[in-house]
C-alpha atoms as a PDB file:
ATOM      1  CA  MET A   1     -12.779  -6.725 -37.045  1.00  0.00           C
ATOM      2  CA  SER A   2     -11.992  -8.978 -33.946  1.00  0.00           C
ATOM      3  CA  GLU A   3     -14.248  -8.874 -30.991  1.00  0.00           C
ATOM      4  CA  ALA A   4     -12.241  -6.745 -28.720  1.00  0.00           C
ATOM      5  CA  ASP A   5     -12.814  -4.281 -32.056  1.00  0.00           C
ATOM      6  CA  ASP A   6     -16.308  -3.935 -32.466  1.00  0.00           C
ATOM      7  CA  TYR A   7     -17.653  -1.365 -30.484  1.00  0.00           C
ATOM      8  CA  ASP A   8     -19.205   1.866 -31.997  1.00  0.00           C
ATOM      9  CA  MET A   9     -18.016   4.609 -28.904  1.00  0.00           C
ATOM     10  CA  MET A  10     -14.612   4.448 -26.593  1.00  0.00           C
ATOM     11  CA  PHE A  11     -14.192   6.614 -24.066  1.00  0.00           C
ATOM     12  CA  LYS A  12     -11.657   7.158 -20.969  1.00  0.00           C
ATOM     13  CA  ILE A  13     -12.742   7.236 -17.891  1.00  0.00           C
ATOM     14  CA  VAL A  14     -10.405   7.984 -14.527  1.00  0.00           C
ATOM     15  CA  LEU A  15     -10.252   7.214 -10.670  1.00  0.00           C
ATOM     16  CA  ILE A  16      -8.052   9.801  -8.647  1.00  0.00           C
ATOM     17  CA  GLY A  17      -7.489  10.972  -5.309  1.00  0.00           C
ATOM     18  CA  ASP A  18      -5.352   9.970  -2.136  1.00  0.00           C
ATOM     19  CA  SER A  19      -3.104   6.989  -1.434  1.00  0.00           C
ATOM     20  CA  SER A  20      -4.984   4.141  -0.301  1.00  0.00           C
ATOM     21  CA  VAL A  21      -8.769   5.760   0.113  1.00  0.00           C
ATOM     22  CA  GLY A  22      -9.943   2.106  -1.877  1.00  0.00           C
ATOM     23  CA  LYS A  23      -9.638   3.299  -6.431  1.00  0.00           C
ATOM     24  CA  THR A  24      -7.876   0.307  -7.393  1.00  0.00           C
ATOM     25  CA  ASN A  25     -10.842  -1.745  -4.857  1.00  0.00           C
ATOM     26  CA  ILE A  26     -13.339   0.142  -6.596  1.00  0.00           C
ATOM     27  CA  MET A  27     -12.107  -0.920  -9.639  1.00  0.00           C
ATOM     28  CA  ASN A  28     -12.006  -4.416  -9.422  1.00  0.00           C
ATOM     29  CA  LYS A  29     -14.865  -4.777  -7.215  1.00  0.00           C
ATOM     30  CA  TYR A  30     -16.591  -2.811 -10.586  1.00  0.00           C
ATOM     31  CA  LEU A  31     -15.030  -4.788 -13.084  1.00  0.00           C
ATOM     32  CA  LYS A  32     -14.313  -8.894 -11.688  1.00  0.00           C
ATOM     33  CA  ASN A  33     -15.971  -8.677  -8.638  1.00  0.00           C
ATOM     34  CA  GLU A  34     -12.987  -8.804  -6.390  1.00  0.00           C
ATOM     35  CA  PHE A  35     -11.738  -6.639  -3.220  1.00  0.00           C
ATOM     36  CA  ARG A  36      -8.529  -7.606  -1.799  1.00  0.00           C
ATOM     37  CA  GLU A  37      -8.252  -6.394   1.970  1.00  0.00           C
ATOM     38  CA  ASP A  38      -4.572  -6.237   1.805  1.00  0.00           C
ATOM     39  CA  SER A  39      -4.308  -4.006  -1.960  1.00  0.00           C
ATOM     40  CA  LYS A  40      -1.483  -1.920  -2.175  1.00  0.00           C
ATOM     41  CA  ALA A  41      -0.870   1.712  -3.652  1.00  0.00           C
ATOM     42  CA  THR A  42      -0.850   1.649  -7.602  1.00  0.00           C
ATOM     43  CA  VAL A  43       2.826   2.771  -8.711  1.00  0.00           C
ATOM     44  CA  GLY A  44       1.753   4.713 -11.794  1.00  0.00           C
ATOM     45  CA  VAL A  45      -1.156   3.832 -13.512  1.00  0.00           C
ATOM     46  CA  GLU A  46      -3.345   0.776 -13.628  1.00  0.00           C
ATOM     47  CA  PHE A  47      -6.681   0.373 -16.469  1.00  0.00           C
ATOM     48  CA  GLY A  48      -9.690  -2.181 -17.411  1.00  0.00           C
ATOM     49  CA  SER A  49     -12.391  -1.913 -19.627  1.00  0.00           C
ATOM     50  CA  LYS A  50     -15.584  -2.732 -20.016  1.00  0.00           C
ATOM     51  CA  GLN A  51     -18.821  -2.774 -22.441  1.00  0.00           C
ATOM     52  CA  PHE A  52     -22.357  -1.600 -22.432  1.00  0.00           C
ATOM     53  CA  ILE A  53     -24.979  -1.004 -25.123  1.00  0.00           C
ATOM     54  CA  ILE A  54     -26.370   1.685 -24.549  1.00  0.00           C
ATOM     55  CA  ASP A  55     -29.466   3.042 -26.914  1.00  0.00           C
ATOM     56  CA  ASN A  56     -28.408   0.636 -29.092  1.00  0.00           C
ATOM     57  CA  HIS A  57     -25.022   1.467 -29.577  1.00  0.00           C
ATOM     58  CA  LYS A  58     -22.069  -0.507 -27.764  1.00  0.00           C
ATOM     59  CA  VAL A  59     -19.977   1.525 -25.837  1.00  0.00           C
ATOM     60  CA  LYS A  60     -16.939   0.440 -24.477  1.00  0.00           C
ATOM     61  CA  ALA A  61     -15.762   2.412 -21.330  1.00  0.00           C
ATOM     62  CA  GLN A  62     -11.819   2.397 -19.999  1.00  0.00           C
ATOM     63  CA  ILE A  63     -11.455   2.664 -16.383  1.00  0.00           C
ATOM     64  CA  TRP A  64      -8.472   4.318 -15.742  1.00  0.00           C
ATOM     65  CA  ASP A  65      -6.658   3.340 -11.634  1.00  0.00           C
ATOM     66  CA  THR A  66      -4.375   6.521 -11.030  1.00  0.00           C
ATOM     67  CA  ALA A  67      -1.834   6.650  -7.865  1.00  0.00           C
ATOM     68  CA  GLY A  68      -2.403   8.950  -5.116  1.00  0.00           C
ATOM     69  CA  GLN A  69       1.311   9.002  -3.964  1.00  0.00           C
ATOM     70  CA  GLU A  70       2.667  12.709  -4.408  1.00  0.00           C
ATOM     71  CA  ARG A  71       5.917  11.367  -6.132  1.00  0.00           C
ATOM     72  CA  TYR A  72       3.636  10.557  -8.825  1.00  0.00           C
ATOM     73  CA  ARG A  73       1.480  13.503  -9.290  1.00  0.00           C
ATOM     74  CA  ALA A  74       3.637  14.431 -12.233  1.00  0.00           C
ATOM     75  CA  ILE A  75       3.031  10.993 -13.996  1.00  0.00           C
ATOM     76  CA  THR A  76      -0.519  10.507 -12.851  1.00  0.00           C
ATOM     77  CA  ASN A  77      -1.099  13.546 -14.310  1.00  0.00           C
ATOM     78  CA  ALA A  78      -0.095  13.064 -18.185  1.00  0.00           C
ATOM     79  CA  TYR A  79      -3.226  10.483 -17.740  1.00  0.00           C
ATOM     80  CA  TYR A  80      -5.735  12.912 -16.994  1.00  0.00           C
ATOM     81  CA  LYS A  81      -5.981  13.927 -20.615  1.00  0.00           C
ATOM     82  CA  GLY A  82      -8.809  13.183 -22.606  1.00  0.00           C
ATOM     83  CA  SER A  83     -10.196  11.745 -20.680  1.00  0.00           C
ATOM     84  CA  LYS A  84     -14.243  12.048 -20.731  1.00  0.00           C
ATOM     85  CA  GLY A  85     -15.372  11.119 -17.041  1.00  0.00           C
ATOM     86  CA  ALA A  86     -13.285  10.649 -13.768  1.00  0.00           C
ATOM     87  CA  PHE A  87     -14.266   9.501 -10.078  1.00  0.00           C
ATOM     88  CA  ILE A  88     -12.638  12.048  -7.334  1.00  0.00           C
ATOM     89  CA  VAL A  89     -12.577   9.482  -4.286  1.00  0.00           C
ATOM     90  CA  TYR A  90     -12.020   9.699  -0.914  1.00  0.00           C
ATOM     91  CA  ASP A  91     -11.919   7.959   2.676  1.00  0.00           C
ATOM     92  CA  ILE A  92     -14.784   8.740   4.840  1.00  0.00           C
ATOM     93  CA  THR A  93     -12.372   7.779   7.859  1.00  0.00           C
ATOM     94  CA  ARG A  94      -9.917   9.959   7.034  1.00  0.00           C
ATOM     95  CA  LYS A  95      -9.940  14.075   7.051  1.00  0.00           C
ATOM     96  CA  GLU A  96      -6.820  14.304   5.314  1.00  0.00           C
ATOM     97  CA  THR A  97      -8.013  12.865   2.279  1.00  0.00           C
ATOM     98  CA  PHE A  98     -11.084  15.277   2.449  1.00  0.00           C
ATOM     99  CA  GLU A  99      -9.129  17.589   2.652  1.00  0.00           C
ATOM    100  CA  SER A 100      -7.561  17.169  -0.226  1.00  0.00           C
ATOM    101  CA  VAL A 101     -10.384  17.224  -2.615  1.00  0.00           C
ATOM    102  CA  ASP A 102      -9.691  20.673  -3.740  1.00  0.00           C
ATOM    103  CA  LYS A 103      -6.338  19.837  -5.363  1.00  0.00           C
ATOM    104  CA  TRP A 104      -7.517  17.089  -7.054  1.00  0.00           C
ATOM    105  CA  VAL A 105     -10.246  19.254  -8.852  1.00  0.00           C
ATOM    106  CA  ASN A 106      -7.414  21.604  -9.512  1.00  0.00           C
ATOM    107  CA  ASP A 107      -5.394  18.871 -11.263  1.00  0.00           C
ATOM    108  CA  LEU A 108      -9.125  18.103 -13.277  1.00  0.00           C
ATOM    109  CA  THR A 109      -9.687  21.148 -14.072  1.00  0.00           C
ATOM    110  CA  MET A 110      -5.964  22.178 -15.721  1.00  0.00           C
ATOM    111  CA  ALA A 111      -5.326  19.094 -17.420  1.00  0.00           C
ATOM    112  CA  CYS A 112      -9.553  18.363 -18.809  1.00  0.00           C
ATOM    113  CA  ASP A 113     -11.820  19.441 -20.571  1.00  0.00           C
ATOM    114  CA  LYS A 114     -14.974  21.998 -19.920  1.00  0.00           C
ATOM    115  CA  ASN A 115     -16.940  19.115 -20.213  1.00  0.00           C
ATOM    116  CA  LEU A 116     -15.572  16.089 -17.577  1.00  0.00           C
ATOM    117  CA  THR A 117     -18.319  14.367 -15.860  1.00  0.00           C
ATOM    118  CA  THR A 118     -17.030  14.326 -12.686  1.00  0.00           C
ATOM    119  CA  ILE A 119     -19.028  12.656  -9.409  1.00  0.00           C
ATOM    120  CA  LEU A 120     -16.740  13.215  -5.782  1.00  0.00           C
ATOM    121  CA  ILE A 121     -16.949   9.558  -4.005  1.00  0.00           C
ATOM    122  CA  GLY A 122     -16.702   8.940  -0.287  1.00  0.00           C
ATOM    123  CA  ASN A 123     -15.737   5.503  -0.144  1.00  0.00           C
ATOM    124  CA  LYS A 124     -15.385   2.903   2.804  1.00  0.00           C
ATOM    125  CA  SER A 125     -19.327   3.895   3.426  1.00  0.00           C
ATOM    126  CA  ASP A 126     -19.271   0.346   5.282  1.00  0.00           C
ATOM    127  CA  LEU A 127     -16.956   1.463   8.153  1.00  0.00           C
ATOM    128  CA  GLU A 128     -19.977   4.122   9.633  1.00  0.00           C
ATOM    129  CA  ASP A 129     -18.062   3.353  13.238  1.00  0.00           C
ATOM    130  CA  GLN A 130     -15.183   5.301  12.428  1.00  0.00           C
ATOM    131  CA  ARG A 131     -16.098   7.867  10.226  1.00  0.00           C
ATOM    132  CA  GLN A 132     -13.992  11.401   9.898  1.00  0.00           C
ATOM    133  CA  ILE A 133     -16.361  12.983   7.909  1.00  0.00           C
ATOM    134  CA  THR A 134     -20.295  13.448   7.340  1.00  0.00           C
ATOM    135  CA  LYS A 135     -22.422  12.646   4.118  1.00  0.00           C
ATOM    136  CA  GLU A 136     -23.599  16.329   4.585  1.00  0.00           C
ATOM    137  CA  GLN A 137     -19.735  17.606   4.137  1.00  0.00           C
ATOM    138  CA  GLY A 138     -19.278  15.477   1.302  1.00  0.00           C
ATOM    139  CA  GLU A 139     -22.540  16.840  -0.323  1.00  0.00           C
ATOM    140  CA  GLU A 140     -21.068  20.431   0.364  1.00  0.00           C
ATOM    141  CA  LYS A 141     -18.074  20.654  -1.278  1.00  0.00           C
ATOM    142  CA  ALA A 142     -19.286  18.602  -3.970  1.00  0.00           C
ATOM    143  CA  LYS A 143     -22.679  21.291  -4.397  1.00  0.00           C
ATOM    144  CA  SER A 144     -18.763  24.306  -4.083  1.00  0.00           C
ATOM    145  CA  PHE A 145     -17.557  22.015  -6.945  1.00  0.00           C
ATOM    146  CA  GLN A 146     -20.921  22.197  -8.478  1.00  0.00           C
ATOM    147  CA  LEU A 147     -19.983  17.765  -8.590  1.00  0.00           C
ATOM    148  CA  ALA A 148     -22.441  15.376  -7.790  1.00  0.00           C
ATOM    149  CA  PHE A 149     -21.855  13.299  -4.816  1.00  0.00           C
ATOM    150  CA  LEU A 150     -22.201   9.243  -3.363  1.00  0.00           C
ATOM    151  CA  GLU A 151     -20.364   7.556  -0.642  1.00  0.00           C
ATOM    152  CA  MET A 152     -19.728   3.962  -2.459  1.00  0.00           C
ATOM    153  CA  SER A 153     -18.552   1.066  -0.113  1.00  0.00           C
ATOM    154  CA  ALA A 154     -15.857  -0.899  -2.161  1.00  0.00           C
ATOM    155  CA  LEU A 155     -16.058  -4.005   0.534  1.00  0.00           C
ATOM    156  CA  SER A 156     -19.609  -4.097   0.297  1.00  0.00           C
ATOM    157  CA  GLY A 157     -20.433  -2.707  -3.318  1.00  0.00           C
ATOM    158  CA  GLU A 158     -23.369  -0.144  -1.725  1.00  0.00           C
ATOM    159  CA  ASN A 159     -23.391   2.342  -5.140  1.00  0.00           C
ATOM    160  CA  LEU A 160     -21.198   1.090  -6.899  1.00  0.00           C
ATOM    161  CA  GLU A 161     -22.916   0.174  -9.646  1.00  0.00           C
ATOM    162  CA  LYS A 162     -25.291   3.285  -9.151  1.00  0.00           C
ATOM    163  CA  GLY A 163     -21.619   5.260  -9.130  1.00  0.00           C
ATOM    164  CA  PHE A 164     -20.766   4.316 -12.300  1.00  0.00           C
ATOM    165  CA  ASN A 165     -24.095   3.855 -14.120  1.00  0.00           C
ATOM    166  CA  MET A 166     -24.508   7.424 -13.201  1.00  0.00           C
ATOM    167  CA  LEU A 167     -20.323   8.407 -14.497  1.00  0.00           C
ATOM    168  CA  ILE A 168     -20.807   6.611 -17.641  1.00  0.00           C
ATOM    169  CA  SER A 169     -24.806   7.437 -19.256  1.00  0.00           C
ATOM    170  CA  GLU A 170     -23.882  10.654 -18.717  1.00  0.00           C
ATOM    171  CA  VAL A 171     -20.315  10.502 -20.780  1.00  0.00           C
ATOM    172  CA  TYR A 172     -22.904   8.997 -23.143  1.00  0.00           C
ATOM    173  CA  GLN A 173     -25.225  12.136 -23.449  1.00  0.00           C
ATOM    174  CA  LYS A 174     -22.172  14.719 -23.945  1.00  0.00           C
ATOM    175  CA  CYS A 175     -20.194  12.027 -26.265  1.00  0.00           C
ATOM    176  CA  LYS A 176     -22.192  10.837 -28.121  1.00  0.00           C
ATOM    177  CA  GLY A 177     -21.772  13.168 -31.289  1.00  0.00           C
ATOM    178  CA  GLU A 178     -17.802  13.879 -31.145  1.00  0.00           C
ATOM    179  CA  PHE A 179     -16.871   9.794 -32.004  1.00  0.00           C
ATOM    180  CA  LYS A 180     -15.687   8.311 -34.637  1.00  0.00           C
ATOM    181  CA  ASN A 181     -14.056   4.608 -34.991  1.00  0.00           C
ATOM    182  CA  SER A 182     -10.896   5.726 -36.363  1.00  0.00           C
ATOM    183  CA  ASP A 183     -10.255   8.104 -33.213  1.00  0.00           C
ATOM    184  CA  TYR A 184      -9.999   4.795 -31.319  1.00  0.00           C
ATOM    185  CA  LEU A 185      -6.655   3.134 -29.643  1.00  0.00           C
ATOM    186  CA  ASN A 186      -7.551  -0.849 -29.549  1.00  0.00           C
ATOM    187  CA  LEU A 187      -5.907  -2.092 -26.242  1.00  0.00           C
ATOM    188  CA  GLY A 188      -6.379  -5.719 -27.191  1.00  0.00           C
ATOM    189  CA  ASP A 189      -8.332  -6.595 -24.425  1.00  0.00           C
ATOM    190  CA  ALA A 190     -11.445  -9.074 -25.411  1.00  0.00           C
ATOM    191  CA  VAL A 191     -15.237  -8.081 -24.404  1.00  0.00           C
ATOM    192  CA  GLU A 192     -15.890  -8.843 -20.871  1.00  0.00           C
ATOM    193  CA  GLU A 193     -13.012 -10.007 -19.954  1.00  0.00           C
ATOM    194  CA  ILE A 194     -10.796  -7.485 -17.905  1.00  0.00           C
ATOM    195  CA  GLN A 195      -7.182  -7.925 -17.478  1.00  0.00           C
ATOM    196  CA  LEU A 196      -5.710  -4.891 -15.104  1.00  0.00           C
ATOM    197  CA  LYS A 197      -2.597  -3.630 -17.155  1.00  0.00           C
ATOM    198  CA  ASN A 198       0.122  -1.145 -16.157  1.00  0.00           C
ATOM    199  CA  ASP A 199       0.763   1.386 -19.058  1.00  0.00           C
ATOM    200  CA  SER A 200       4.033   3.664 -18.943  1.00  0.00           C
ATOM    201  CA  GLU A 201       3.747   4.491 -22.904  1.00  0.00           C
ATOM    202  CA  ASN A 202       3.384   8.308 -22.336  1.00  0.00           C
ATOM    203  CA  ASP A 203       1.748   9.100 -26.112  1.00  0.00           C
ATOM    204  CA  LYS A 204      -0.945   6.918 -25.426  1.00  0.00           C
ATOM    205  CA  LYS A 205      -4.764   8.452 -25.957  1.00  0.00           C
ATOM    206  CA  CYS A 206      -7.823   6.551 -24.937  1.00  0.00           C
ATOM    207  CA  CYS A 207      -9.331   9.249 -27.422  1.00  0.00           C
ATOM    208  CA  LYS A 208      -9.231  13.061 -29.026  1.00  0.00           C
ATOM    209  CA  THR A 209     -10.541  15.749 -26.917  1.00  0.00           C
END
């Protein structure tokens, strides 16, 4: 068994939300500590992974960044299936991205298991002078859907680790009794070596539901 196969549990996490809310930078900052001001809109789906030790178990989180444009919606919706955790991301400086949260919640509800762990993320908290959505509005929206809530900055890293730690810990607690190594798909990425990849094969699954 290679190092890439040496884990006890693997699960899939998706980042969804309107285009240009910062999903790609959230993923890149978390996995590679990189932020790009000129980051381009994701086409289709990209993913990376990271490993953790939780309760002496090797846990691999596979993180999927999905396109937010409407024309890719049918494609990206197919990738929600099998997800155990999700960030729904909006931009605190763009009201229309906050108004889209209801749509994204509905998409997840239609595609995913009821046990999905979801956190509503208000990104770009560093742009306080451009804020259009208050923290209280974000909290109320999350409460209406019974979701956890955080404001975050992919640029500064504020609440980035906290958000992923919350999500991954909760997913682990829900899923630790469900998985066997035979359920996993080996995607060939080495431990701690994060490579973002485009994936266009519709029949791939991260894990069984």
